[in-house]
N, C-alpha and C. Protein backbone atom coordinates (compact mmCIF):
# COMPACT_ATOMS: atom_id res chain seq x y z
N MET A 1 -4.81 27.44 44.84
CA MET A 1 -6.09 27.57 44.15
C MET A 1 -7.19 27.75 45.18
N ASN A 2 -8.11 28.61 44.87
CA ASN A 2 -9.26 28.86 45.73
C ASN A 2 -10.37 27.87 45.38
N TYR A 3 -10.92 27.21 46.37
CA TYR A 3 -12.00 26.26 46.14
C TYR A 3 -13.29 26.81 46.72
N PRO A 4 -14.16 27.39 45.88
CA PRO A 4 -15.40 27.96 46.40
C PRO A 4 -16.38 26.91 46.92
N LEU A 5 -16.26 25.68 46.48
CA LEU A 5 -17.17 24.63 46.95
C LEU A 5 -16.36 23.40 47.32
N VAL A 6 -16.43 23.04 48.57
CA VAL A 6 -15.79 21.83 49.06
C VAL A 6 -16.89 20.86 49.42
N ILE A 7 -16.89 19.67 48.82
CA ILE A 7 -17.92 18.67 49.08
C ILE A 7 -17.41 17.72 50.15
N LYS A 8 -18.19 17.59 51.21
CA LYS A 8 -17.83 16.69 52.30
C LYS A 8 -18.92 15.64 52.46
N ASN A 9 -18.52 14.48 52.97
CA ASN A 9 -19.52 13.46 53.27
C ASN A 9 -20.08 13.71 54.67
N MET A 10 -20.96 12.85 55.10
CA MET A 10 -21.62 13.06 56.38
C MET A 10 -20.65 12.99 57.56
N GLN A 11 -19.49 12.40 57.38
CA GLN A 11 -18.49 12.33 58.43
C GLN A 11 -17.57 13.55 58.42
N GLY A 12 -17.82 14.47 57.50
CA GLY A 12 -17.02 15.68 57.41
C GLY A 12 -15.75 15.53 56.61
N GLU A 13 -15.55 14.39 55.96
CA GLU A 13 -14.36 14.16 55.15
C GLU A 13 -14.53 14.81 53.78
N VAL A 14 -13.52 15.51 53.32
CA VAL A 14 -13.56 16.15 52.00
C VAL A 14 -13.48 15.06 50.94
N ILE A 15 -14.46 15.06 50.03
CA ILE A 15 -14.43 14.07 48.96
C ILE A 15 -14.21 14.71 47.59
N ALA A 16 -14.41 16.03 47.50
CA ALA A 16 -14.15 16.73 46.23
C ALA A 16 -14.03 18.21 46.50
N ARG A 17 -13.22 18.85 45.68
CA ARG A 17 -13.07 20.29 45.73
C ARG A 17 -13.36 20.82 44.33
N LEU A 18 -14.30 21.71 44.24
CA LEU A 18 -14.66 22.29 42.95
C LEU A 18 -13.99 23.65 42.85
N GLY A 19 -13.17 23.82 41.84
CA GLY A 19 -12.38 25.03 41.70
C GLY A 19 -13.11 26.16 41.01
N GLU A 20 -12.37 27.22 40.76
CA GLU A 20 -12.93 28.42 40.16
C GLU A 20 -13.21 28.25 38.67
N GLU A 21 -12.48 27.38 38.01
CA GLU A 21 -12.65 27.22 36.57
C GLU A 21 -14.05 26.69 36.25
N GLN A 22 -14.46 26.89 35.03
CA GLN A 22 -15.79 26.43 34.60
C GLN A 22 -15.89 24.92 34.70
N GLY A 23 -16.88 24.46 35.38
CA GLY A 23 -17.14 23.03 35.46
C GLY A 23 -16.31 22.33 36.51
N CYS A 24 -16.56 21.07 36.64
CA CYS A 24 -15.91 20.24 37.66
C CYS A 24 -14.78 19.46 37.00
N THR A 25 -13.57 19.60 37.52
CA THR A 25 -12.45 18.85 36.97
C THR A 25 -12.12 17.63 37.82
N ASP A 26 -12.71 17.54 39.01
CA ASP A 26 -12.47 16.37 39.85
C ASP A 26 -13.17 15.15 39.27
N ASP A 27 -12.51 14.00 39.36
CA ASP A 27 -13.10 12.75 38.92
C ASP A 27 -14.00 12.25 40.05
N LEU A 28 -15.30 12.33 39.83
CA LEU A 28 -16.25 11.88 40.83
C LEU A 28 -16.87 10.54 40.45
N SER A 29 -16.26 9.86 39.46
CA SER A 29 -16.78 8.54 39.11
C SER A 29 -16.63 7.63 40.33
N THR A 30 -17.60 6.85 40.56
CA THR A 30 -17.70 5.92 41.69
C THR A 30 -17.80 6.62 43.04
N ALA A 31 -18.04 7.94 43.05
CA ALA A 31 -18.17 8.67 44.33
C ALA A 31 -19.45 8.24 45.04
N PHE A 32 -19.43 8.35 46.34
CA PHE A 32 -20.60 8.07 47.17
C PHE A 32 -21.06 9.40 47.74
N LEU A 33 -22.05 10.01 47.07
CA LEU A 33 -22.57 11.32 47.47
C LEU A 33 -23.91 11.11 48.14
N ASP A 34 -23.92 11.21 49.45
CA ASP A 34 -25.11 10.89 50.23
C ASP A 34 -25.45 12.05 51.16
N GLU A 35 -26.69 12.51 51.07
CA GLU A 35 -27.22 13.57 51.94
C GLU A 35 -26.35 14.83 51.89
N LEU A 36 -26.03 15.27 50.68
CA LEU A 36 -25.21 16.46 50.50
C LEU A 36 -26.02 17.61 49.93
N ASP A 37 -25.66 18.81 50.31
CA ASP A 37 -26.25 20.00 49.72
C ASP A 37 -25.38 20.41 48.54
N LEU A 38 -25.82 20.08 47.35
CA LEU A 38 -25.11 20.43 46.12
C LEU A 38 -25.89 21.48 45.34
N SER A 39 -26.75 22.21 46.04
CA SER A 39 -27.55 23.23 45.38
C SER A 39 -26.62 24.27 44.75
N ASN A 40 -26.92 24.61 43.52
CA ASN A 40 -26.16 25.59 42.73
C ASN A 40 -24.72 25.18 42.46
N ALA A 41 -24.37 23.93 42.68
CA ALA A 41 -23.01 23.46 42.40
C ALA A 41 -22.77 23.45 40.89
N ASP A 42 -21.57 23.80 40.49
CA ASP A 42 -21.20 23.76 39.08
C ASP A 42 -20.51 22.43 38.81
N LEU A 43 -21.29 21.49 38.29
CA LEU A 43 -20.78 20.15 37.98
C LEU A 43 -20.81 19.92 36.47
N GLU A 44 -20.71 21.00 35.72
CA GLU A 44 -20.75 20.89 34.26
C GLU A 44 -19.62 20.00 33.77
N GLY A 45 -19.99 19.00 32.97
CA GLY A 45 -19.01 18.09 32.39
C GLY A 45 -18.39 17.11 33.38
N ALA A 46 -18.91 17.05 34.59
CA ALA A 46 -18.33 16.17 35.62
C ALA A 46 -18.48 14.71 35.23
N ASP A 47 -17.50 13.92 35.61
CA ASP A 47 -17.58 12.47 35.45
C ASP A 47 -18.16 11.90 36.73
N LEU A 48 -19.45 11.61 36.71
CA LEU A 48 -20.18 11.02 37.83
C LEU A 48 -20.62 9.61 37.47
N SER A 49 -19.93 9.01 36.51
CA SER A 49 -20.30 7.66 36.10
C SER A 49 -20.11 6.70 37.27
N ASN A 50 -21.02 5.79 37.40
CA ASN A 50 -20.99 4.77 38.45
C ASN A 50 -21.05 5.35 39.87
N ALA A 51 -21.45 6.60 40.00
CA ALA A 51 -21.54 7.23 41.32
C ALA A 51 -22.89 6.93 41.96
N TYR A 52 -22.92 7.01 43.28
CA TYR A 52 -24.18 6.97 44.02
C TYR A 52 -24.48 8.40 44.46
N ILE A 53 -25.66 8.89 44.07
CA ILE A 53 -26.09 10.23 44.45
C ILE A 53 -27.45 10.05 45.12
N GLY A 54 -27.45 10.07 46.44
CA GLY A 54 -28.68 9.79 47.17
C GLY A 54 -29.05 10.87 48.17
N PHE A 55 -30.33 11.23 48.17
CA PHE A 55 -30.88 12.16 49.14
C PHE A 55 -30.12 13.49 49.14
N CYS A 56 -29.69 13.91 47.95
CA CYS A 56 -28.94 15.16 47.81
C CYS A 56 -29.85 16.28 47.30
N ASN A 57 -29.50 17.48 47.66
CA ASN A 57 -30.19 18.65 47.14
C ASN A 57 -29.40 19.14 45.93
N LEU A 58 -29.96 18.94 44.74
CA LEU A 58 -29.34 19.38 43.49
C LEU A 58 -30.04 20.60 42.92
N THR A 59 -30.83 21.29 43.73
CA THR A 59 -31.58 22.45 43.27
C THR A 59 -30.64 23.47 42.62
N GLY A 60 -30.93 23.80 41.38
CA GLY A 60 -30.16 24.80 40.66
C GLY A 60 -28.76 24.37 40.25
N ALA A 61 -28.41 23.11 40.44
CA ALA A 61 -27.06 22.64 40.09
C ALA A 61 -26.88 22.61 38.57
N ASN A 62 -25.68 22.87 38.13
CA ASN A 62 -25.34 22.81 36.72
C ASN A 62 -24.70 21.45 36.44
N LEU A 63 -25.46 20.57 35.79
CA LEU A 63 -24.98 19.24 35.41
C LEU A 63 -24.95 19.10 33.90
N ARG A 64 -24.81 20.23 33.21
CA ARG A 64 -24.77 20.20 31.75
C ARG A 64 -23.61 19.31 31.29
N ASN A 65 -23.93 18.42 30.36
CA ASN A 65 -22.94 17.53 29.75
C ASN A 65 -22.21 16.64 30.75
N ALA A 66 -22.80 16.43 31.91
CA ALA A 66 -22.19 15.53 32.90
C ALA A 66 -22.40 14.08 32.48
N ASP A 67 -21.43 13.24 32.80
CA ASP A 67 -21.54 11.80 32.54
C ASP A 67 -22.09 11.14 33.79
N LEU A 68 -23.35 10.75 33.74
CA LEU A 68 -24.02 10.07 34.84
C LEU A 68 -24.34 8.63 34.46
N SER A 69 -23.61 8.09 33.50
CA SER A 69 -23.87 6.73 33.06
C SER A 69 -23.64 5.76 34.21
N ASN A 70 -24.52 4.81 34.33
CA ASN A 70 -24.45 3.77 35.36
C ASN A 70 -24.51 4.31 36.78
N ALA A 71 -24.88 5.57 36.94
CA ALA A 71 -24.99 6.15 38.28
C ALA A 71 -26.31 5.71 38.92
N GLU A 72 -26.36 5.78 40.23
CA GLU A 72 -27.61 5.54 40.95
C GLU A 72 -28.02 6.87 41.57
N ILE A 73 -29.19 7.34 41.16
CA ILE A 73 -29.70 8.63 41.64
C ILE A 73 -30.97 8.35 42.42
N GLU A 74 -30.93 8.60 43.71
CA GLU A 74 -32.03 8.20 44.59
C GLU A 74 -32.54 9.38 45.41
N CYS A 75 -33.84 9.66 45.31
CA CYS A 75 -34.53 10.62 46.17
C CYS A 75 -33.82 11.96 46.25
N CYS A 76 -33.47 12.53 45.12
CA CYS A 76 -32.81 13.83 45.08
C CYS A 76 -33.80 14.91 44.65
N GLU A 77 -33.58 16.11 45.13
CA GLU A 77 -34.34 17.27 44.69
C GLU A 77 -33.63 17.83 43.47
N VAL A 78 -34.34 17.96 42.34
CA VAL A 78 -33.70 18.38 41.10
C VAL A 78 -34.34 19.64 40.50
N ALA A 79 -35.09 20.40 41.30
CA ALA A 79 -35.73 21.61 40.78
C ALA A 79 -34.68 22.57 40.22
N ASP A 80 -34.90 23.00 39.01
CA ASP A 80 -34.02 23.94 38.32
C ASP A 80 -32.59 23.42 38.10
N ALA A 81 -32.36 22.14 38.33
CA ALA A 81 -31.05 21.56 38.00
C ALA A 81 -30.99 21.41 36.48
N ASP A 82 -29.86 21.76 35.91
CA ASP A 82 -29.71 21.75 34.46
C ASP A 82 -28.99 20.48 34.02
N PHE A 83 -29.76 19.56 33.42
CA PHE A 83 -29.23 18.30 32.90
C PHE A 83 -29.11 18.34 31.38
N SER A 84 -29.04 19.53 30.79
CA SER A 84 -28.93 19.65 29.34
C SER A 84 -27.68 18.91 28.85
N GLY A 85 -27.86 18.01 27.92
CA GLY A 85 -26.74 17.27 27.36
C GLY A 85 -26.16 16.22 28.28
N ALA A 86 -26.75 16.02 29.44
CA ALA A 86 -26.23 15.01 30.39
C ALA A 86 -26.46 13.61 29.83
N TYR A 87 -25.57 12.72 30.19
CA TYR A 87 -25.61 11.34 29.70
C TYR A 87 -25.95 10.43 30.87
N LEU A 88 -27.21 9.96 30.89
CA LEU A 88 -27.71 9.13 31.98
C LEU A 88 -27.96 7.69 31.54
N SER A 89 -27.26 7.26 30.51
CA SER A 89 -27.45 5.91 30.00
C SER A 89 -27.18 4.88 31.09
N ASN A 90 -28.08 3.92 31.21
CA ASN A 90 -28.00 2.84 32.19
C ASN A 90 -28.01 3.31 33.64
N ALA A 91 -28.38 4.56 33.87
CA ALA A 91 -28.48 5.06 35.25
C ALA A 91 -29.70 4.43 35.91
N ARG A 92 -29.59 4.21 37.20
CA ARG A 92 -30.71 3.73 38.00
C ARG A 92 -31.28 4.95 38.72
N ILE A 93 -32.47 5.35 38.30
CA ILE A 93 -33.05 6.59 38.80
C ILE A 93 -34.26 6.30 39.66
N ASP A 94 -34.20 6.69 40.92
CA ASP A 94 -35.33 6.56 41.82
C ASP A 94 -35.85 7.96 42.14
N ILE A 95 -36.29 8.62 41.11
CA ILE A 95 -36.92 9.94 41.21
C ILE A 95 -38.18 9.84 40.38
N THR A 96 -39.30 10.21 40.96
CA THR A 96 -40.54 10.09 40.21
C THR A 96 -40.49 10.97 38.96
N THR A 97 -41.16 10.52 37.95
CA THR A 97 -41.18 11.24 36.68
C THR A 97 -41.66 12.66 36.86
N ASP A 98 -42.62 12.88 37.76
CA ASP A 98 -43.16 14.22 37.97
C ASP A 98 -42.08 15.21 38.41
N ILE A 99 -41.15 14.77 39.22
CA ILE A 99 -40.11 15.67 39.73
C ILE A 99 -39.24 16.19 38.60
N TRP A 100 -39.06 15.40 37.54
CA TRP A 100 -38.26 15.86 36.41
C TRP A 100 -38.88 17.07 35.72
N LEU A 101 -40.18 17.32 35.95
CA LEU A 101 -40.82 18.50 35.37
C LEU A 101 -40.14 19.77 35.85
N ASP A 102 -39.52 19.73 37.02
CA ASP A 102 -38.86 20.90 37.59
C ASP A 102 -37.39 21.00 37.19
N ALA A 103 -36.86 19.98 36.52
CA ALA A 103 -35.46 19.99 36.08
C ALA A 103 -35.38 20.52 34.65
N ILE A 104 -34.21 20.92 34.25
CA ILE A 104 -33.97 21.43 32.90
C ILE A 104 -33.29 20.32 32.09
N THR A 105 -33.92 19.94 31.00
CA THR A 105 -33.35 18.94 30.09
C THR A 105 -33.50 19.46 28.66
N ASP A 106 -32.85 18.81 27.73
CA ASP A 106 -33.02 19.17 26.34
C ASP A 106 -32.98 17.92 25.48
N ASP A 107 -33.00 18.11 24.17
CA ASP A 107 -32.99 16.97 23.25
C ASP A 107 -31.69 16.18 23.31
N GLU A 108 -30.64 16.76 23.86
CA GLU A 108 -29.35 16.10 23.97
C GLU A 108 -29.21 15.29 25.26
N THR A 109 -30.15 15.47 26.20
CA THR A 109 -30.11 14.71 27.45
C THR A 109 -30.45 13.26 27.14
N VAL A 110 -29.60 12.34 27.54
CA VAL A 110 -29.80 10.92 27.28
C VAL A 110 -30.26 10.26 28.58
N PHE A 111 -31.54 9.86 28.62
CA PHE A 111 -32.09 9.14 29.76
C PHE A 111 -31.99 7.63 29.50
N PRO A 112 -31.97 6.84 30.57
CA PRO A 112 -32.03 5.39 30.35
C PRO A 112 -33.37 5.05 29.72
N SER A 113 -33.41 4.02 28.93
CA SER A 113 -34.63 3.69 28.19
C SER A 113 -35.81 3.41 29.12
N HIS A 114 -35.55 2.95 30.33
CA HIS A 114 -36.63 2.63 31.25
C HIS A 114 -37.12 3.83 32.06
N HIS A 115 -36.50 4.99 31.90
CA HIS A 115 -36.89 6.14 32.72
C HIS A 115 -36.81 7.43 31.92
N ARG A 116 -37.60 7.52 30.89
CA ARG A 116 -37.63 8.75 30.13
C ARG A 116 -38.89 9.50 30.52
N PRO A 117 -38.74 10.74 31.03
CA PRO A 117 -39.92 11.50 31.43
C PRO A 117 -40.94 11.57 30.30
N LEU A 118 -42.19 11.44 30.64
CA LEU A 118 -43.25 11.38 29.65
C LEU A 118 -43.45 12.68 28.88
N TYR A 119 -43.08 13.80 29.47
CA TYR A 119 -43.31 15.08 28.83
C TYR A 119 -42.32 15.38 27.72
N MET A 120 -41.28 14.56 27.57
CA MET A 120 -40.25 14.86 26.58
C MET A 120 -40.63 14.29 25.22
């Protein structure tokens, strides 16, 4: 199988391989994603529950219908990232509300009750 996107941690260790098929089939629940360039990554439907996603570039990433429940999302760039239908229940989000103005969300996006962007 050809892997167009290989995700490595800061030590260069492969932590996930995203294949050619639509969306992410790797189980990334409890993953530690720190300081990664995930711009334009296809993570549609990915299981990122309980994951740590910190200081990552998610610009243009496809996170449609991703499970981000109980995830910790810290200081990430989310411009043009598509969170349509994403499930962020109980997620700990350290991204200012203003930055979400640059992300794509819809009525199906579930934000934690304590962090719902004001414009929605």
